[in-house]
N, C-alpha and C. Protein backbone atom coordinates (compact mmCIF):
# COMPACT_ATOMS: atom_id res chain seq x y z
N UNK A 1 4.33 14.69 -21.30
CA UNK A 1 4.90 14.37 -20.01
C UNK A 1 5.29 15.64 -19.26
N UNK A 2 5.71 16.65 -20.01
CA UNK A 2 6.09 17.90 -19.35
C UNK A 2 4.89 18.58 -18.71
N UNK A 3 3.73 18.46 -19.35
CA UNK A 3 2.53 19.06 -18.78
C UNK A 3 2.16 18.37 -17.47
N UNK A 4 2.38 17.08 -17.42
CA UNK A 4 2.08 16.32 -16.22
C UNK A 4 2.97 16.76 -15.05
N UNK A 5 4.26 16.84 -15.30
CA UNK A 5 5.17 17.26 -14.22
C UNK A 5 4.99 18.74 -13.89
N UNK A 6 4.65 19.56 -14.87
CA UNK A 6 4.42 20.98 -14.60
C UNK A 6 3.19 21.17 -13.71
N UNK A 7 2.16 20.34 -13.92
CA UNK A 7 0.97 20.44 -13.08
C UNK A 7 1.32 20.16 -11.63
N UNK A 8 2.07 19.09 -11.38
CA UNK A 8 2.39 18.75 -10.00
C UNK A 8 3.41 19.70 -9.39
N UNK A 9 4.29 20.26 -10.22
CA UNK A 9 5.22 21.27 -9.69
C UNK A 9 4.46 22.52 -9.27
N UNK A 10 3.46 22.91 -10.05
CA UNK A 10 2.68 24.10 -9.69
C UNK A 10 1.83 23.85 -8.45
N UNK A 11 1.32 22.61 -8.31
CA UNK A 11 0.53 22.28 -7.12
C UNK A 11 1.38 22.28 -5.86
N UNK A 12 2.61 21.78 -5.97
CA UNK A 12 3.45 21.71 -4.78
C UNK A 12 3.95 23.09 -4.36
N UNK A 13 4.16 24.00 -5.31
CA UNK A 13 4.63 25.33 -4.91
C UNK A 13 3.51 26.17 -4.35
N UNK A 14 2.27 25.94 -4.80
CA UNK A 14 1.17 26.75 -4.29
C UNK A 14 0.74 26.32 -2.90
N UNK A 15 0.87 25.08 -2.57
CA UNK A 15 0.43 24.58 -1.26
C UNK A 15 1.56 24.51 -0.25
N UNK A 16 2.75 24.58 -0.69
CA UNK A 16 3.88 24.41 0.23
C UNK A 16 4.29 22.95 0.27
N UNK A 17 5.41 22.70 0.88
CA UNK A 17 5.94 21.34 0.95
C UNK A 17 5.31 20.58 2.12
N UNK A 18 5.31 19.25 1.99
CA UNK A 18 4.84 18.40 3.08
C UNK A 18 5.89 18.37 4.17
N UNK A 19 5.42 18.54 5.38
CA UNK A 19 6.31 18.42 6.53
C UNK A 19 5.64 17.50 7.54
N UNK A 20 6.41 17.10 8.52
CA UNK A 20 5.86 16.23 9.57
C UNK A 20 4.80 16.97 10.38
N UNK A 21 5.01 18.25 10.58
CA UNK A 21 4.02 19.05 11.32
C UNK A 21 2.70 19.15 10.58
N UNK A 22 2.75 19.22 9.26
CA UNK A 22 1.50 19.28 8.50
C UNK A 22 0.75 17.95 8.55
N UNK A 23 1.47 16.85 8.71
CA UNK A 23 0.80 15.55 8.85
C UNK A 23 0.14 15.39 10.21
N UNK A 24 0.70 16.03 11.24
CA UNK A 24 0.12 15.96 12.58
C UNK A 24 -1.00 16.96 12.79
N UNK A 25 -1.22 17.86 11.85
CA UNK A 25 -2.22 18.90 12.01
C UNK A 25 -3.60 18.35 11.69
N UNK A 26 -4.41 18.15 12.72
CA UNK A 26 -5.76 17.63 12.55
C UNK A 26 -6.81 18.73 12.65
N UNK A 27 -6.40 19.98 12.72
CA UNK A 27 -7.36 21.06 12.85
C UNK A 27 -8.17 21.25 11.57
N UNK A 28 -7.63 20.81 10.44
CA UNK A 28 -8.34 20.99 9.18
C UNK A 28 -9.39 19.91 8.95
N UNK A 29 -9.40 18.89 9.79
CA UNK A 29 -10.39 17.81 9.66
C UNK A 29 -11.57 18.16 10.55
N UNK A 30 -12.76 18.07 9.99
CA UNK A 30 -13.95 18.43 10.75
C UNK A 30 -14.18 17.42 11.88
N UNK A 31 -14.88 17.82 12.94
CA UNK A 31 -15.14 16.90 14.06
C UNK A 31 -15.92 15.65 13.65
N UNK A 32 -16.80 15.78 12.67
CA UNK A 32 -17.55 14.60 12.22
C UNK A 32 -16.61 13.59 11.57
N UNK A 33 -15.66 14.08 10.80
CA UNK A 33 -14.70 13.17 10.15
C UNK A 33 -13.76 12.58 11.19
N UNK A 34 -13.37 13.37 12.20
CA UNK A 34 -12.52 12.84 13.27
C UNK A 34 -13.23 11.72 14.03
N UNK A 35 -14.52 11.89 14.30
CA UNK A 35 -15.28 10.86 14.98
C UNK A 35 -15.38 9.60 14.12
N UNK A 36 -15.60 9.78 12.84
CA UNK A 36 -15.68 8.64 11.93
C UNK A 36 -14.35 7.90 11.88
N UNK A 37 -13.25 8.63 11.81
CA UNK A 37 -11.93 7.99 11.78
C UNK A 37 -11.65 7.23 13.07
N UNK A 38 -12.08 7.77 14.20
CA UNK A 38 -11.91 7.06 15.46
C UNK A 38 -12.68 5.75 15.44
N UNK A 39 -13.89 5.76 14.90
CA UNK A 39 -14.68 4.53 14.84
C UNK A 39 -14.06 3.52 13.89
N UNK A 40 -13.53 3.99 12.78
CA UNK A 40 -12.90 3.09 11.81
C UNK A 40 -11.68 2.41 12.43
N UNK A 41 -10.82 3.20 13.06
CA UNK A 41 -9.61 2.62 13.63
C UNK A 41 -9.91 1.77 14.86
N UNK A 42 -10.96 2.10 15.59
CA UNK A 42 -11.37 1.25 16.72
C UNK A 42 -11.87 -0.10 16.21
N UNK A 43 -12.63 -0.10 15.12
CA UNK A 43 -13.11 -1.37 14.57
C UNK A 43 -11.95 -2.20 14.01
N UNK A 44 -10.95 -1.54 13.40
CA UNK A 44 -9.78 -2.28 12.93
C UNK A 44 -8.97 -2.86 14.08
N UNK A 45 -8.88 -2.12 15.17
CA UNK A 45 -8.18 -2.62 16.35
C UNK A 45 -8.91 -3.82 16.94
N UNK A 46 -10.23 -3.74 17.03
CA UNK A 46 -11.01 -4.87 17.55
C UNK A 46 -10.90 -6.09 16.63
N UNK A 47 -10.86 -5.87 15.32
CA UNK A 47 -10.70 -6.98 14.38
C UNK A 47 -9.32 -7.62 14.55
N UNK A 48 -8.31 -6.82 14.82
CA UNK A 48 -6.98 -7.37 15.06
C UNK A 48 -6.95 -8.21 16.33
N UNK A 49 -7.63 -7.75 17.37
CA UNK A 49 -7.71 -8.52 18.62
C UNK A 49 -8.47 -9.82 18.38
N UNK A 50 -9.56 -9.76 17.60
CA UNK A 50 -10.32 -10.97 17.30
C UNK A 50 -9.48 -11.96 16.49
N UNK A 51 -8.67 -11.45 15.58
CA UNK A 51 -7.79 -12.32 14.81
C UNK A 51 -6.73 -12.97 15.70
N UNK A 52 -6.19 -12.21 16.63
CA UNK A 52 -5.21 -12.78 17.57
C UNK A 52 -5.88 -13.82 18.46
N UNK A 53 -7.13 -13.57 18.84
CA UNK A 53 -7.86 -14.56 19.64
C UNK A 53 -8.09 -15.83 18.84
N UNK A 54 -8.38 -15.72 17.56
CA UNK A 54 -8.55 -16.90 16.72
C UNK A 54 -7.26 -17.70 16.60
N UNK A 55 -6.13 -17.02 16.46
CA UNK A 55 -4.85 -17.72 16.41
C UNK A 55 -4.56 -18.40 17.74
N UNK A 56 -4.89 -17.75 18.84
CA UNK A 56 -4.68 -18.34 20.16
C UNK A 56 -5.59 -19.56 20.36
N UNK A 57 -6.82 -19.47 19.87
CA UNK A 57 -7.73 -20.62 19.96
C UNK A 57 -7.19 -21.80 19.17
N UNK A 58 -6.54 -21.51 18.05
CA UNK A 58 -5.93 -22.62 17.30
C UNK A 58 -4.80 -23.26 18.12
N UNK A 59 -4.02 -22.42 18.77
CA UNK A 59 -2.92 -22.97 19.57
C UNK A 59 -3.43 -23.80 20.73
N UNK A 60 -4.58 -23.41 21.30
CA UNK A 60 -5.13 -24.17 22.42
C UNK A 60 -5.82 -25.45 21.98
N UNK A 61 -6.71 -25.33 21.00
CA UNK A 61 -7.58 -26.46 20.65
C UNK A 61 -7.44 -26.94 19.21
N UNK A 62 -6.48 -26.41 18.48
CA UNK A 62 -6.20 -26.87 17.11
C UNK A 62 -7.44 -26.77 16.22
N UNK A 63 -8.07 -25.61 16.19
CA UNK A 63 -9.31 -25.46 15.43
C UNK A 63 -9.09 -24.92 14.02
N UNK A 64 -7.90 -24.41 13.73
CA UNK A 64 -7.65 -23.79 12.43
C UNK A 64 -7.48 -24.81 11.33
N UNK A 65 -7.82 -24.41 10.13
CA UNK A 65 -7.66 -25.29 8.99
C UNK A 65 -8.54 -24.87 7.83
N UNK A 66 -8.88 -25.84 7.01
CA UNK A 66 -9.66 -25.55 5.81
C UNK A 66 -11.09 -25.13 6.14
N UNK A 67 -11.66 -25.69 7.18
CA UNK A 67 -13.03 -25.34 7.56
C UNK A 67 -13.12 -23.89 8.01
N UNK A 68 -12.16 -23.43 8.80
CA UNK A 68 -12.19 -22.03 9.23
C UNK A 68 -11.89 -21.08 8.07
N UNK A 69 -11.12 -21.53 7.10
CA UNK A 69 -10.88 -20.71 5.91
C UNK A 69 -12.17 -20.53 5.12
N UNK A 70 -12.92 -21.62 4.93
CA UNK A 70 -14.21 -21.52 4.24
C UNK A 70 -15.20 -20.68 5.04
N UNK A 71 -15.17 -20.81 6.37
CA UNK A 71 -16.04 -19.99 7.20
C UNK A 71 -15.69 -18.52 7.09
N UNK A 72 -14.41 -18.22 6.97
CA UNK A 72 -13.96 -16.84 6.81
C UNK A 72 -14.48 -16.27 5.49
N UNK A 73 -14.33 -17.02 4.41
CA UNK A 73 -14.85 -16.56 3.11
C UNK A 73 -16.37 -16.45 3.11
N UNK A 74 -17.03 -17.38 3.78
CA UNK A 74 -18.48 -17.30 3.88
C UNK A 74 -18.93 -16.08 4.64
N UNK A 75 -18.22 -15.75 5.72
CA UNK A 75 -18.55 -14.53 6.46
C UNK A 75 -18.28 -13.27 5.65
N UNK A 76 -17.24 -13.29 4.84
CA UNK A 76 -16.96 -12.14 3.97
C UNK A 76 -18.09 -11.94 2.98
N UNK A 77 -18.56 -13.03 2.37
CA UNK A 77 -19.68 -12.91 1.42
C UNK A 77 -20.96 -12.44 2.12
N UNK A 78 -21.19 -12.93 3.32
CA UNK A 78 -22.37 -12.50 4.08
C UNK A 78 -22.25 -11.03 4.46
N UNK A 79 -21.04 -10.61 4.82
CA UNK A 79 -20.80 -9.21 5.17
C UNK A 79 -21.02 -8.30 3.98
N UNK A 80 -20.58 -8.73 2.81
CA UNK A 80 -20.76 -7.92 1.60
C UNK A 80 -22.22 -7.83 1.18
N UNK A 81 -23.01 -8.83 1.53
CA UNK A 81 -24.42 -8.80 1.13
C UNK A 81 -25.33 -8.15 2.18
N UNK A 82 -24.77 -7.79 3.33
CA UNK A 82 -25.56 -7.15 4.39
C UNK A 82 -25.71 -5.66 4.08
N UNK A 83 -26.91 -5.12 4.20
CA UNK A 83 -27.10 -3.68 3.92
C UNK A 83 -26.36 -2.80 4.92
N UNK A 84 -25.94 -1.61 4.50
CA UNK A 84 -25.14 -0.74 5.37
C UNK A 84 -25.85 -0.27 6.63
N UNK A 85 -27.17 -0.23 6.63
CA UNK A 85 -27.87 0.30 7.80
C UNK A 85 -27.93 -0.70 8.96
N UNK A 86 -27.56 -1.94 8.75
CA UNK A 86 -27.50 -2.94 9.82
C UNK A 86 -26.09 -2.97 10.40
N UNK A 87 -25.74 -1.93 11.15
CA UNK A 87 -24.37 -1.76 11.60
C UNK A 87 -23.94 -2.81 12.61
N UNK A 88 -24.79 -3.13 13.56
CA UNK A 88 -24.40 -4.11 14.59
C UNK A 88 -24.14 -5.48 13.98
N UNK A 89 -24.96 -5.85 13.01
CA UNK A 89 -24.78 -7.13 12.33
C UNK A 89 -23.47 -7.12 11.53
N UNK A 90 -23.17 -6.01 10.89
CA UNK A 90 -21.95 -5.92 10.11
C UNK A 90 -20.70 -5.96 10.99
N UNK A 91 -20.76 -5.31 12.14
CA UNK A 91 -19.61 -5.33 13.05
C UNK A 91 -19.40 -6.75 13.60
N UNK A 92 -20.49 -7.42 13.96
CA UNK A 92 -20.33 -8.78 14.47
C UNK A 92 -19.83 -9.73 13.38
N UNK A 93 -20.25 -9.52 12.14
CA UNK A 93 -19.73 -10.34 11.04
C UNK A 93 -18.25 -10.05 10.80
N UNK A 94 -17.86 -8.79 10.95
CA UNK A 94 -16.44 -8.45 10.81
C UNK A 94 -15.61 -9.14 11.88
N UNK A 95 -16.10 -9.14 13.10
CA UNK A 95 -15.36 -9.78 14.19
C UNK A 95 -15.30 -11.29 14.00
N UNK A 96 -16.39 -11.90 13.53
CA UNK A 96 -16.38 -13.34 13.26
C UNK A 96 -15.42 -13.67 12.12
N UNK A 97 -15.39 -12.82 11.10
CA UNK A 97 -14.47 -13.02 9.98
C UNK A 97 -13.03 -12.93 10.47
N UNK A 98 -12.74 -11.95 11.31
CA UNK A 98 -11.38 -11.80 11.85
C UNK A 98 -11.01 -12.99 12.72
N UNK A 99 -11.94 -13.48 13.51
CA UNK A 99 -11.67 -14.65 14.35
C UNK A 99 -11.35 -15.87 13.50
N UNK A 100 -12.16 -16.12 12.47
CA UNK A 100 -11.89 -17.26 11.58
C UNK A 100 -10.60 -17.08 10.80
N UNK A 101 -10.29 -15.85 10.44
CA UNK A 101 -9.05 -15.60 9.72
C UNK A 101 -7.85 -15.87 10.63
N UNK A 102 -7.95 -15.46 11.89
CA UNK A 102 -6.87 -15.75 12.83
C UNK A 102 -6.71 -17.24 13.07
N UNK A 103 -7.83 -17.96 13.15
CA UNK A 103 -7.76 -19.42 13.32
C UNK A 103 -7.19 -20.08 12.06
N UNK A 104 -7.44 -19.48 10.90
CA UNK A 104 -6.93 -20.05 9.65
C UNK A 104 -5.42 -19.90 9.53
N UNK A 105 -4.86 -18.80 10.04
CA UNK A 105 -3.41 -18.65 10.00
C UNK A 105 -2.74 -19.23 11.24
N UNK A 106 -3.54 -19.79 12.14
CA UNK A 106 -3.01 -20.42 13.34
C UNK A 106 -2.00 -21.51 13.06
N UNK A 107 -2.22 -22.39 12.06
CA UNK A 107 -1.20 -23.41 11.78
C UNK A 107 0.16 -22.83 11.39
N UNK A 108 0.17 -21.69 10.69
CA UNK A 108 1.46 -21.05 10.36
C UNK A 108 2.13 -20.50 11.61
N UNK A 109 1.34 -19.95 12.49
CA UNK A 109 1.90 -19.43 13.74
C UNK A 109 2.41 -20.57 14.60
N UNK A 110 1.67 -21.67 14.62
CA UNK A 110 2.09 -22.85 15.37
C UNK A 110 3.40 -23.40 14.82
N UNK A 111 3.54 -23.41 13.50
CA UNK A 111 4.78 -23.88 12.88
C UNK A 111 5.94 -22.97 13.24
N UNK A 112 5.70 -21.67 13.25
CA UNK A 112 6.77 -20.73 13.61
C UNK A 112 7.18 -20.88 15.07
N UNK A 113 6.23 -21.19 15.94
CA UNK A 113 6.55 -21.38 17.35
C UNK A 113 7.34 -22.67 17.56
N UNK A 114 6.98 -23.73 16.83
CA UNK A 114 7.63 -25.02 17.02
C UNK A 114 8.98 -25.12 16.32
N UNK A 115 9.31 -24.12 15.51
CA UNK A 115 10.57 -24.16 14.77
C UNK A 115 11.74 -23.99 15.74
N UNK A 116 12.74 -24.84 15.60
CA UNK A 116 13.91 -24.78 16.47
C UNK A 116 14.83 -23.66 16.01
N UNK A 117 15.04 -22.62 16.83
CA UNK A 117 15.87 -21.50 16.38
C UNK A 117 17.35 -21.87 16.25
N UNK A 118 17.78 -22.99 16.82
CA UNK A 118 19.18 -23.38 16.69
C UNK A 118 19.51 -23.85 15.28
N UNK A 119 18.49 -24.22 14.50
CA UNK A 119 18.77 -24.68 13.15
C UNK A 119 18.93 -23.53 12.16
N UNK A 120 18.60 -22.33 12.57
CA UNK A 120 18.80 -21.16 11.71
C UNK A 120 20.27 -20.79 11.66
N UNK A 121 20.74 -20.45 10.48
CA UNK A 121 22.10 -20.01 10.35
C UNK A 121 22.10 -18.59 9.82
N UNK A 122 22.71 -17.69 10.55
CA UNK A 122 22.82 -16.30 10.11
C UNK A 122 24.16 -16.14 9.40
N UNK A 123 24.11 -15.54 8.24
CA UNK A 123 25.34 -15.39 7.45
C UNK A 123 25.83 -14.01 7.52
C-alpha cells in the first residue's frame, strides 16, 4: 500500500497541484481534439433538447408509456449495430432515442406537475 501512495505522491509533486486555472487551460489540447469535443457536446445538447421535446409531446398528447420505452431500447440496439462510418444515421438514431426516452419519462414529469405543492410539509 505504501508503494501505491508513494507513486501518486511522486506524480503529484512532479506535475504540480491541480488548480482551477489548470482546468481552464485548453492550450494543451490540440485543435483536432477541441473540434471533436465541440461536436460531442453539441450532440449531447441536441439529445437533451430532443428528450425535452419528447417529454413535452407526452404532456400535449399523452404519448409516453411502455411502447415508447420499447422503442427507446429498440433504437439503442439499432444504434449499437450501426457501423461507425454512417454518421448521419447514427446521429438521427441518437435523436430518436432521446425523443423516445423523453416521452418515456413524460408520465413522471406529468405526475410532478400535477402534484399539489400545498400537501408538502417542510420540517
